[in-house]
Amino acid sequence: MGLPRRRMPSIRQFLLPINKKNIVRFLYINLYSIILACAGILVLAIPLHQISLWFLGAQIIIALGLISTAIKLFSAWDHKKREIALLVGRNNHEFRPETFEKFMQAPCGRLVVRQALADLGMQKEYKSLLKLKKPLLTNWREGCGPTKTVVYINEEAL
């Protein structure tokens, strides 16, 4: 027999039902993806190969990095929709700032927070959430440190 074939999602699944609100939401949530994709295309459009072929190689590497990052961010669309739904559900009855803390650390996460607050009708609370944002160097230091992994089997650490 074999495993069933997994179908790749189409753009139609992301935008169903297609209406102005969903398209605007898609474009807003993926703003940084669009910026990175455009930057990658612009890097390729610069005629640096006329100066030296070495510049062409560097240009291609930079453009591929930008475009691949944009593709990764675009592919997180379903995850972003789920996170917005979770944030709206957790803050529907009362505003709980701690639920937004992990999203305030990245630009894409801040867009998710803004969209969730717009869905809740609490756009003015965004200014209070900016206090949760850590400086960039602090995030890099915390993210680059060693991570300890503990595996538990039957409630006993190995």
N, C-alpha and C. Protein backbone atom coordinates (compact mmCIF):
# COMPACT_ATOMS: atom_id res chain seq x y z
N MET A 1 0.83 -1.17 0.00
CA MET A 1 0.00 0.00 0.00
C MET A 1 0.88 1.25 0.00
N GLY A 2 1.26 1.75 1.09
CA GLY A 2 2.07 2.97 1.14
C GLY A 2 1.31 4.08 1.85
N LEU A 3 2.03 5.12 2.08
CA LEU A 3 1.44 6.26 2.75
C LEU A 3 0.61 7.08 1.77
N PRO A 4 -0.46 7.69 2.26
CA PRO A 4 -1.25 8.55 1.37
C PRO A 4 -0.44 9.79 0.99
N ARG A 5 -0.65 10.26 -0.22
CA ARG A 5 0.08 11.43 -0.69
C ARG A 5 -0.47 12.67 0.00
N ARG A 6 0.42 13.49 0.44
CA ARG A 6 0.03 14.72 1.09
C ARG A 6 0.00 15.83 0.04
N ARG A 7 -1.12 16.50 -0.04
CA ARG A 7 -1.27 17.54 -1.03
C ARG A 7 -0.70 18.85 -0.51
N MET A 8 -0.03 19.57 -1.36
CA MET A 8 0.50 20.87 -1.00
C MET A 8 -0.65 21.88 -0.94
N PRO A 9 -0.65 22.75 0.07
CA PRO A 9 -1.72 23.74 0.16
C PRO A 9 -1.58 24.76 -0.98
N SER A 10 -2.71 25.20 -1.46
CA SER A 10 -2.70 26.20 -2.52
C SER A 10 -2.99 27.56 -1.92
N ILE A 11 -2.74 28.58 -2.70
CA ILE A 11 -3.00 29.94 -2.23
C ILE A 11 -4.49 30.15 -1.99
N ARG A 12 -5.33 29.39 -2.69
CA ARG A 12 -6.78 29.50 -2.51
C ARG A 12 -7.18 29.11 -1.08
N GLN A 13 -6.51 28.10 -0.51
CA GLN A 13 -6.83 27.69 0.85
C GLN A 13 -6.48 28.78 1.85
N PHE A 14 -5.43 29.56 1.56
CA PHE A 14 -5.02 30.61 2.48
C PHE A 14 -6.00 31.78 2.47
N LEU A 15 -6.64 32.02 1.35
CA LEU A 15 -7.46 33.21 1.22
C LEU A 15 -8.95 32.94 1.19
N LEU A 16 -9.39 31.70 1.42
CA LEU A 16 -10.82 31.41 1.41
C LEU A 16 -11.48 31.93 2.66
N PRO A 17 -12.63 32.51 2.64
CA PRO A 17 -13.27 33.08 1.46
C PRO A 17 -12.53 34.34 1.03
N ILE A 18 -12.41 34.54 -0.26
CA ILE A 18 -11.67 35.69 -0.77
C ILE A 18 -12.54 36.92 -0.62
N ASN A 19 -12.10 37.81 0.22
CA ASN A 19 -12.74 39.10 0.35
C ASN A 19 -11.68 40.12 0.71
N LYS A 20 -12.05 41.36 0.69
CA LYS A 20 -11.08 42.43 0.90
C LYS A 20 -10.43 42.33 2.28
N LYS A 21 -11.20 41.96 3.30
CA LYS A 21 -10.66 41.88 4.65
C LYS A 21 -9.56 40.82 4.75
N ASN A 22 -9.78 39.64 4.17
CA ASN A 22 -8.78 38.57 4.23
C ASN A 22 -7.53 38.92 3.45
N ILE A 23 -7.68 39.59 2.31
CA ILE A 23 -6.51 39.95 1.52
C ILE A 23 -5.70 41.01 2.24
N VAL A 24 -6.37 42.00 2.83
CA VAL A 24 -5.66 43.04 3.58
C VAL A 24 -4.96 42.42 4.79
N ARG A 25 -5.63 41.49 5.48
CA ARG A 25 -5.01 40.82 6.63
C ARG A 25 -3.78 40.01 6.20
N PHE A 26 -3.88 39.29 5.09
CA PHE A 26 -2.76 38.51 4.58
C PHE A 26 -1.58 39.42 4.27
N LEU A 27 -1.84 40.52 3.59
CA LEU A 27 -0.77 41.45 3.22
C LEU A 27 -0.16 42.10 4.46
N TYR A 28 -0.99 42.45 5.44
CA TYR A 28 -0.48 43.10 6.64
C TYR A 28 0.37 42.14 7.48
N ILE A 29 -0.12 40.95 7.71
CA ILE A 29 0.61 39.99 8.53
C ILE A 29 1.92 39.57 7.85
N ASN A 30 1.94 39.53 6.53
CA ASN A 30 3.14 39.14 5.79
C ASN A 30 3.92 40.33 5.25
N LEU A 31 3.81 41.48 5.89
CA LEU A 31 4.48 42.69 5.43
C LEU A 31 5.99 42.50 5.36
N TYR A 32 6.59 41.91 6.38
CA TYR A 32 8.04 41.72 6.38
C TYR A 32 8.46 40.69 5.34
N SER A 33 7.63 39.72 5.07
CA SER A 33 7.93 38.75 4.01
C SER A 33 7.96 39.44 2.66
N ILE A 34 7.00 40.32 2.43
CA ILE A 34 6.93 41.05 1.17
C ILE A 34 8.14 41.97 1.02
N ILE A 35 8.51 42.64 2.10
CA ILE A 35 9.68 43.53 2.06
C ILE A 35 10.95 42.74 1.75
N LEU A 36 11.13 41.58 2.40
CA LEU A 36 12.31 40.76 2.14
C LEU A 36 12.34 40.23 0.71
N ALA A 37 11.20 39.82 0.19
CA ALA A 37 11.14 39.32 -1.19
C ALA A 37 11.48 40.44 -2.17
N CYS A 38 10.93 41.62 -1.95
CA CYS A 38 11.24 42.75 -2.83
C CYS A 38 12.72 43.14 -2.73
N ALA A 39 13.28 43.10 -1.52
CA ALA A 39 14.70 43.41 -1.36
C ALA A 39 15.57 42.40 -2.11
N GLY A 40 15.19 41.13 -2.06
CA GLY A 40 15.94 40.11 -2.80
C GLY A 40 15.89 40.34 -4.30
N ILE A 41 14.74 40.72 -4.80
CA ILE A 41 14.61 41.00 -6.23
C ILE A 41 15.41 42.24 -6.61
N LEU A 42 15.36 43.27 -5.76
CA LEU A 42 16.13 44.48 -6.03
C LEU A 42 17.64 44.23 -6.01
N VAL A 43 18.09 43.38 -5.11
CA VAL A 43 19.51 43.05 -5.07
C VAL A 43 19.93 42.38 -6.37
N LEU A 44 19.08 41.53 -6.92
CA LEU A 44 19.39 40.88 -8.20
C LEU A 44 19.34 41.86 -9.37
N ALA A 45 18.56 42.93 -9.24
CA ALA A 45 18.40 43.88 -10.33
C ALA A 45 19.59 44.83 -10.48
N ILE A 46 20.41 44.94 -9.46
CA ILE A 46 21.57 45.83 -9.53
C ILE A 46 22.61 45.20 -10.45
N PRO A 47 23.09 45.93 -11.46
CA PRO A 47 24.04 45.35 -12.43
C PRO A 47 25.48 45.35 -11.92
N LEU A 48 25.75 44.65 -10.83
CA LEU A 48 27.11 44.59 -10.29
C LEU A 48 28.03 43.70 -11.11
N HIS A 49 27.48 42.86 -11.96
CA HIS A 49 28.31 41.97 -12.76
C HIS A 49 29.17 42.76 -13.76
N GLN A 50 28.80 44.01 -14.03
CA GLN A 50 29.60 44.83 -14.94
C GLN A 50 30.90 45.28 -14.28
N ILE A 51 30.92 45.33 -12.96
CA ILE A 51 32.14 45.71 -12.24
C ILE A 51 33.07 44.51 -12.14
N SER A 52 32.54 43.41 -11.62
CA SER A 52 33.34 42.19 -11.46
C SER A 52 32.39 41.01 -11.30
N LEU A 53 32.83 39.86 -11.77
CA LEU A 53 32.02 38.66 -11.61
C LEU A 53 31.95 38.20 -10.16
N TRP A 54 32.93 38.61 -9.34
CA TRP A 54 32.87 38.27 -7.92
C TRP A 54 31.68 38.92 -7.25
N PHE A 55 31.35 40.12 -7.68
CA PHE A 55 30.18 40.79 -7.13
C PHE A 55 28.90 40.04 -7.48
N LEU A 56 28.87 39.43 -8.64
CA LEU A 56 27.69 38.67 -9.06
C LEU A 56 27.45 37.49 -8.12
N GLY A 57 28.51 36.81 -7.75
CA GLY A 57 28.37 35.68 -6.82
C GLY A 57 27.85 36.13 -5.46
N ALA A 58 28.42 37.22 -4.93
CA ALA A 58 27.96 37.74 -3.65
C ALA A 58 26.52 38.23 -3.75
N GLN A 59 26.20 38.82 -4.87
CA GLN A 59 24.85 39.33 -5.10
C GLN A 59 23.83 38.19 -5.10
N ILE A 60 24.15 37.10 -5.75
CA ILE A 60 23.25 35.95 -5.80
C ILE A 60 23.08 35.33 -4.43
N ILE A 61 24.16 35.22 -3.67
CA ILE A 61 24.09 34.64 -2.32
C ILE A 61 23.20 35.50 -1.41
N ILE A 62 23.38 36.81 -1.46
CA ILE A 62 22.57 37.71 -0.64
C ILE A 62 21.10 37.63 -1.05
N ALA A 63 20.84 37.64 -2.36
CA ALA A 63 19.46 37.59 -2.84
C ALA A 63 18.78 36.27 -2.45
N LEU A 64 19.50 35.16 -2.57
CA LEU A 64 18.93 33.87 -2.18
C LEU A 64 18.62 33.83 -0.69
N GLY A 65 19.49 34.42 0.12
CA GLY A 65 19.23 34.48 1.55
C GLY A 65 17.97 35.26 1.88
N LEU A 66 17.82 36.41 1.23
CA LEU A 66 16.63 37.24 1.47
C LEU A 66 15.36 36.54 1.00
N ILE A 67 15.40 35.97 -0.18
CA ILE A 67 14.21 35.32 -0.74
C ILE A 67 13.84 34.06 0.04
N SER A 68 14.85 33.29 0.47
CA SER A 68 14.53 32.07 1.24
C SER A 68 13.93 32.43 2.60
N THR A 69 14.41 33.51 3.22
CA THR A 69 13.81 33.95 4.48
C THR A 69 12.38 34.41 4.26
N ALA A 70 12.14 35.11 3.16
CA ALA A 70 10.78 35.55 2.84
C ALA A 70 9.86 34.36 2.64
N ILE A 71 10.33 33.32 1.97
CA ILE A 71 9.51 32.12 1.75
C ILE A 71 9.19 31.44 3.07
N LYS A 72 10.16 31.37 3.98
CA LYS A 72 9.90 30.77 5.29
C LYS A 72 8.85 31.55 6.06
N LEU A 73 8.93 32.87 5.98
CA LEU A 73 7.94 33.69 6.68
C LEU A 73 6.56 33.56 6.04
N PHE A 74 6.50 33.48 4.71
CA PHE A 74 5.22 33.27 4.04
C PHE A 74 4.61 31.92 4.43
N SER A 75 5.44 30.91 4.61
CA SER A 75 4.92 29.58 4.90
C SER A 75 4.35 29.48 6.32
N ALA A 76 4.61 30.47 7.16
CA ALA A 76 4.10 30.46 8.53
C ALA A 76 2.71 31.09 8.62
N TRP A 77 2.04 31.31 7.51
CA TRP A 77 0.74 31.97 7.48
C TRP A 77 -0.30 31.22 8.33
N ASP A 78 -0.39 29.91 8.18
CA ASP A 78 -1.36 29.14 8.98
C ASP A 78 -1.07 29.25 10.47
N HIS A 79 0.21 29.18 10.82
CA HIS A 79 0.60 29.30 12.22
C HIS A 79 0.23 30.68 12.77
N LYS A 80 0.44 31.71 11.98
CA LYS A 80 0.09 33.06 12.42
C LYS A 80 -1.41 33.20 12.63
N LYS A 81 -2.21 32.61 11.74
CA LYS A 81 -3.66 32.65 11.91
C LYS A 81 -4.08 31.96 13.20
N ARG A 82 -3.47 30.81 13.50
CA ARG A 82 -3.79 30.09 14.74
C ARG A 82 -3.40 30.91 15.96
N GLU A 83 -2.23 31.56 15.91
CA GLU A 83 -1.77 32.36 17.04
C GLU A 83 -2.71 33.55 17.28
N ILE A 84 -3.17 34.17 16.21
CA ILE A 84 -4.12 35.28 16.37
C ILE A 84 -5.40 34.78 17.03
N ALA A 85 -5.89 33.63 16.58
CA ALA A 85 -7.11 33.06 17.17
C ALA A 85 -6.90 32.73 18.65
N LEU A 86 -5.72 32.19 19.01
CA LEU A 86 -5.43 31.89 20.41
C LEU A 86 -5.36 33.16 21.25
N LEU A 87 -4.68 34.18 20.74
CA LEU A 87 -4.58 35.43 21.49
C LEU A 87 -5.94 36.08 21.69
N VAL A 88 -6.78 36.02 20.67
CA VAL A 88 -8.13 36.58 20.79
C VAL A 88 -8.92 35.78 21.82
N GLY A 89 -8.80 34.45 21.78
CA GLY A 89 -9.51 33.62 22.74
C GLY A 89 -9.06 33.83 24.17
N ARG A 90 -7.75 33.98 24.38
CA ARG A 90 -7.23 34.17 25.74
C ARG A 90 -7.56 35.54 26.31
N ASN A 91 -7.72 36.53 25.45
CA ASN A 91 -7.93 37.89 25.92
C ASN A 91 -9.33 38.41 25.63
N ASN A 92 -10.24 37.51 25.34
CA ASN A 92 -11.60 37.90 24.99
C ASN A 92 -12.36 38.50 26.17
N HIS A 93 -12.20 37.92 27.34
CA HIS A 93 -12.95 38.37 28.51
C HIS A 93 -12.21 39.45 29.28
N GLU A 94 -10.90 39.29 29.44
CA GLU A 94 -10.10 40.30 30.12
C GLU A 94 -8.73 40.37 29.45
N PHE A 95 -8.14 41.56 29.47
CA PHE A 95 -6.85 41.78 28.83
C PHE A 95 -5.74 41.24 29.71
N ARG A 96 -4.94 40.32 29.16
CA ARG A 96 -3.83 39.71 29.89
C ARG A 96 -2.54 39.97 29.11
N PRO A 97 -1.75 40.95 29.51
CA PRO A 97 -0.54 41.32 28.75
C PRO A 97 0.51 40.22 28.67
N GLU A 98 0.58 39.35 29.66
CA GLU A 98 1.62 38.30 29.65
C GLU A 98 1.45 37.33 28.49
N THR A 99 0.25 37.20 27.93
CA THR A 99 0.04 36.31 26.79
C THR A 99 0.68 36.85 25.52
N PHE A 100 0.99 38.13 25.48
CA PHE A 100 1.57 38.76 24.30
C PHE A 100 3.09 38.85 24.37
N GLU A 101 3.69 38.50 25.50
CA GLU A 101 5.11 38.76 25.73
C GLU A 101 6.03 38.13 24.69
N LYS A 102 5.83 36.86 24.36
CA LYS A 102 6.75 36.21 23.42
C LYS A 102 6.61 36.77 22.01
N PHE A 103 5.45 37.32 21.66
CA PHE A 103 5.24 37.87 20.33
C PHE A 103 5.86 39.25 20.18
N MET A 104 6.09 39.93 21.28
CA MET A 104 6.63 41.29 21.21
C MET A 104 8.12 41.31 20.95
N GLN A 105 8.77 40.17 20.85
CA GLN A 105 10.21 40.12 20.68
C GLN A 105 10.65 40.16 19.21
N ALA A 106 9.75 39.96 18.29
CA ALA A 106 10.11 39.94 16.86
C ALA A 106 9.16 40.83 16.08
N PRO A 107 9.64 41.43 15.00
CA PRO A 107 8.77 42.31 14.20
C PRO A 107 7.52 41.60 13.66
N CYS A 108 7.67 40.37 13.20
CA CYS A 108 6.50 39.64 12.69
C CYS A 108 5.52 39.34 13.82
N GLY A 109 6.02 39.06 14.99
CA GLY A 109 5.17 38.81 16.14
C GLY A 109 4.40 40.05 16.56
N ARG A 110 5.04 41.22 16.42
CA ARG A 110 4.34 42.46 16.76
C ARG A 110 3.19 42.72 15.79
N LEU A 111 3.36 42.31 14.53
CA LEU A 111 2.25 42.43 13.58
C LEU A 111 1.10 41.51 13.99
N VAL A 112 1.42 40.31 14.47
CA VAL A 112 0.39 39.38 14.95
C VAL A 112 -0.33 39.99 16.16
N VAL A 113 0.42 40.62 17.06
CA VAL A 113 -0.18 41.26 18.23
C VAL A 113 -1.11 42.38 17.80
N ARG A 114 -0.67 43.21 16.86
CA ARG A 114 -1.51 44.32 16.40
C ARG A 114 -2.82 43.80 15.78
N GLN A 115 -2.71 42.71 15.01
CA GLN A 115 -3.91 42.15 14.39
C GLN A 115 -4.85 41.56 15.43
N ALA A 116 -4.30 40.88 16.42
CA ALA A 116 -5.14 40.31 17.49
C ALA A 116 -5.82 41.42 18.29
N LEU A 117 -5.09 42.49 18.57
CA LEU A 117 -5.68 43.62 19.29
C LEU A 117 -6.76 44.30 18.45
N ALA A 118 -6.55 44.37 17.14
CA ALA A 118 -7.58 44.94 16.27
C ALA A 118 -8.83 44.08 16.28
N ASP A 119 -8.66 42.76 16.29
CA ASP A 119 -9.82 41.86 16.34
C ASP A 119 -10.57 42.00 17.67
N LEU A 120 -9.82 42.30 18.73
CA LEU A 120 -10.43 42.47 20.05
C LEU A 120 -10.98 43.88 20.25
N GLY A 121 -10.60 44.80 19.39
CA GLY A 121 -11.02 46.20 19.55
C GLY A 121 -10.23 46.91 20.64
N MET A 122 -9.00 46.48 20.88
CA MET A 122 -8.16 47.05 21.94
C MET A 122 -6.87 47.63 21.37
N GLN A 123 -6.92 48.35 20.26
CA GLN A 123 -5.72 48.85 19.62
C GLN A 123 -4.90 49.77 20.53
N LYS A 124 -5.56 50.44 21.47
CA LYS A 124 -4.85 51.38 22.35
C LYS A 124 -3.94 50.65 23.35
N GLU A 125 -4.16 49.37 23.57
CA GLU A 125 -3.35 48.61 24.53
C GLU A 125 -1.96 48.30 23.99
N TYR A 126 -1.73 48.53 22.69
CA TYR A 126 -0.43 48.20 22.08
C TYR A 126 0.69 49.01 22.73
N LYS A 127 0.42 50.25 23.09
CA LYS A 127 1.45 51.09 23.72
C LYS A 127 1.89 50.50 25.05
N SER A 128 0.97 49.92 25.79
CA SER A 128 1.36 49.31 27.06
C SER A 128 2.15 48.02 26.83
N LEU A 129 1.90 47.34 25.71
CA LEU A 129 2.62 46.11 25.41
C LEU A 129 4.04 46.37 24.91
N LEU A 130 4.32 47.57 24.43
CA LEU A 130 5.67 47.89 23.98
C LEU A 130 6.69 47.82 25.12
N LYS A 131 6.21 47.91 26.36
CA LYS A 131 7.10 47.77 27.51
C LYS A 131 7.65 46.35 27.62
N LEU A 132 6.96 45.37 27.03
CA LEU A 132 7.40 43.97 27.09
C LEU A 132 8.50 43.66 26.08
N LYS A 133 8.71 44.55 25.13
CA LYS A 133 9.71 44.34 24.08
C LYS A 133 11.11 44.51 24.66
N LYS A 134 11.96 43.51 24.46
CA LYS A 134 13.33 43.56 24.95
C LYS A 134 14.22 44.17 23.87
N PRO A 135 15.33 44.80 24.28
CA PRO A 135 16.26 45.33 23.28
C PRO A 135 16.85 44.22 22.42
N LEU A 136 17.25 44.57 21.21
CA LEU A 136 17.75 43.60 20.24
C LEU A 136 18.97 42.84 20.76
N LEU A 137 19.92 43.55 21.36
CA LEU A 137 21.13 42.89 21.86
C LEU A 137 20.81 41.91 22.98
N THR A 138 19.84 42.23 23.81
CA THR A 138 19.44 41.32 24.88
C THR A 138 18.84 40.05 24.30
N ASN A 139 18.01 40.19 23.27
CA ASN A 139 17.43 39.01 22.61
C ASN A 139 18.51 38.15 22.00
N TRP A 140 19.51 38.77 21.38
CA TRP A 140 20.59 37.99 20.76
C TRP A 140 21.39 37.25 21.82
N ARG A 141 21.69 37.93 22.93
CA ARG A 141 22.46 37.26 23.99
C ARG A 141 21.70 36.06 24.57
N GLU A 142 20.42 36.25 24.82
CA GLU A 142 19.61 35.16 25.39
C GLU A 142 19.40 34.04 24.39
N GLY A 143 19.28 34.37 23.11
CA GLY A 143 19.03 33.36 22.08
C GLY A 143 20.26 32.58 21.68
N CYS A 144 21.45 33.15 21.91
CA CYS A 144 22.68 32.49 21.49
C CYS A 144 23.33 31.68 22.60
N GLY A 145 22.76 31.66 23.76
CA GLY A 145 23.33 30.90 24.87
C GLY A 145 23.06 29.42 24.74
N PRO A 146 23.76 28.63 25.52
CA PRO A 146 23.52 27.18 25.47
C PRO A 146 22.14 26.82 26.03
N THR A 147 21.56 25.79 25.48
CA THR A 147 20.25 25.32 25.91
C THR A 147 20.40 23.93 26.50
N LYS A 148 19.80 23.73 27.66
CA LYS A 148 19.86 22.43 28.32
C LYS A 148 18.56 21.69 28.03
N THR A 149 18.68 20.48 27.54
CA THR A 149 17.51 19.66 27.24
C THR A 149 17.45 18.50 28.23
N VAL A 150 16.30 18.33 28.84
CA VAL A 150 16.09 17.25 29.79
C VAL A 150 14.99 16.35 29.24
N VAL A 151 15.27 15.05 29.17
CA VAL A 151 14.30 14.09 28.68
C VAL A 151 13.71 13.35 29.88
N TYR A 152 12.39 13.33 29.95
CA TYR A 152 11.69 12.64 31.04
C TYR A 152 11.00 11.40 30.48
N ILE A 153 11.25 10.26 31.14
CA ILE A 153 10.55 9.02 30.83
C ILE A 153 9.94 8.53 32.13
N ASN A 154 8.62 8.39 32.13
CA ASN A 154 7.91 7.98 33.34
C ASN A 154 8.25 8.87 34.53
N GLU A 155 8.26 10.17 34.30
CA GLU A 155 8.51 11.18 35.31
C GLU A 155 9.89 11.08 35.95
N GLU A 156 10.84 10.46 35.32
CA GLU A 156 12.21 10.38 35.81
C GLU A 156 13.13 11.02 34.78
N ALA A 157 13.98 11.92 35.25
CA ALA A 157 14.91 12.58 34.34
C ALA A 157 16.05 11.62 34.01
N LEU A 158 16.43 11.59 32.75
CA LEU A 158 17.54 10.74 32.33
C LEU A 158 18.84 11.49 32.37
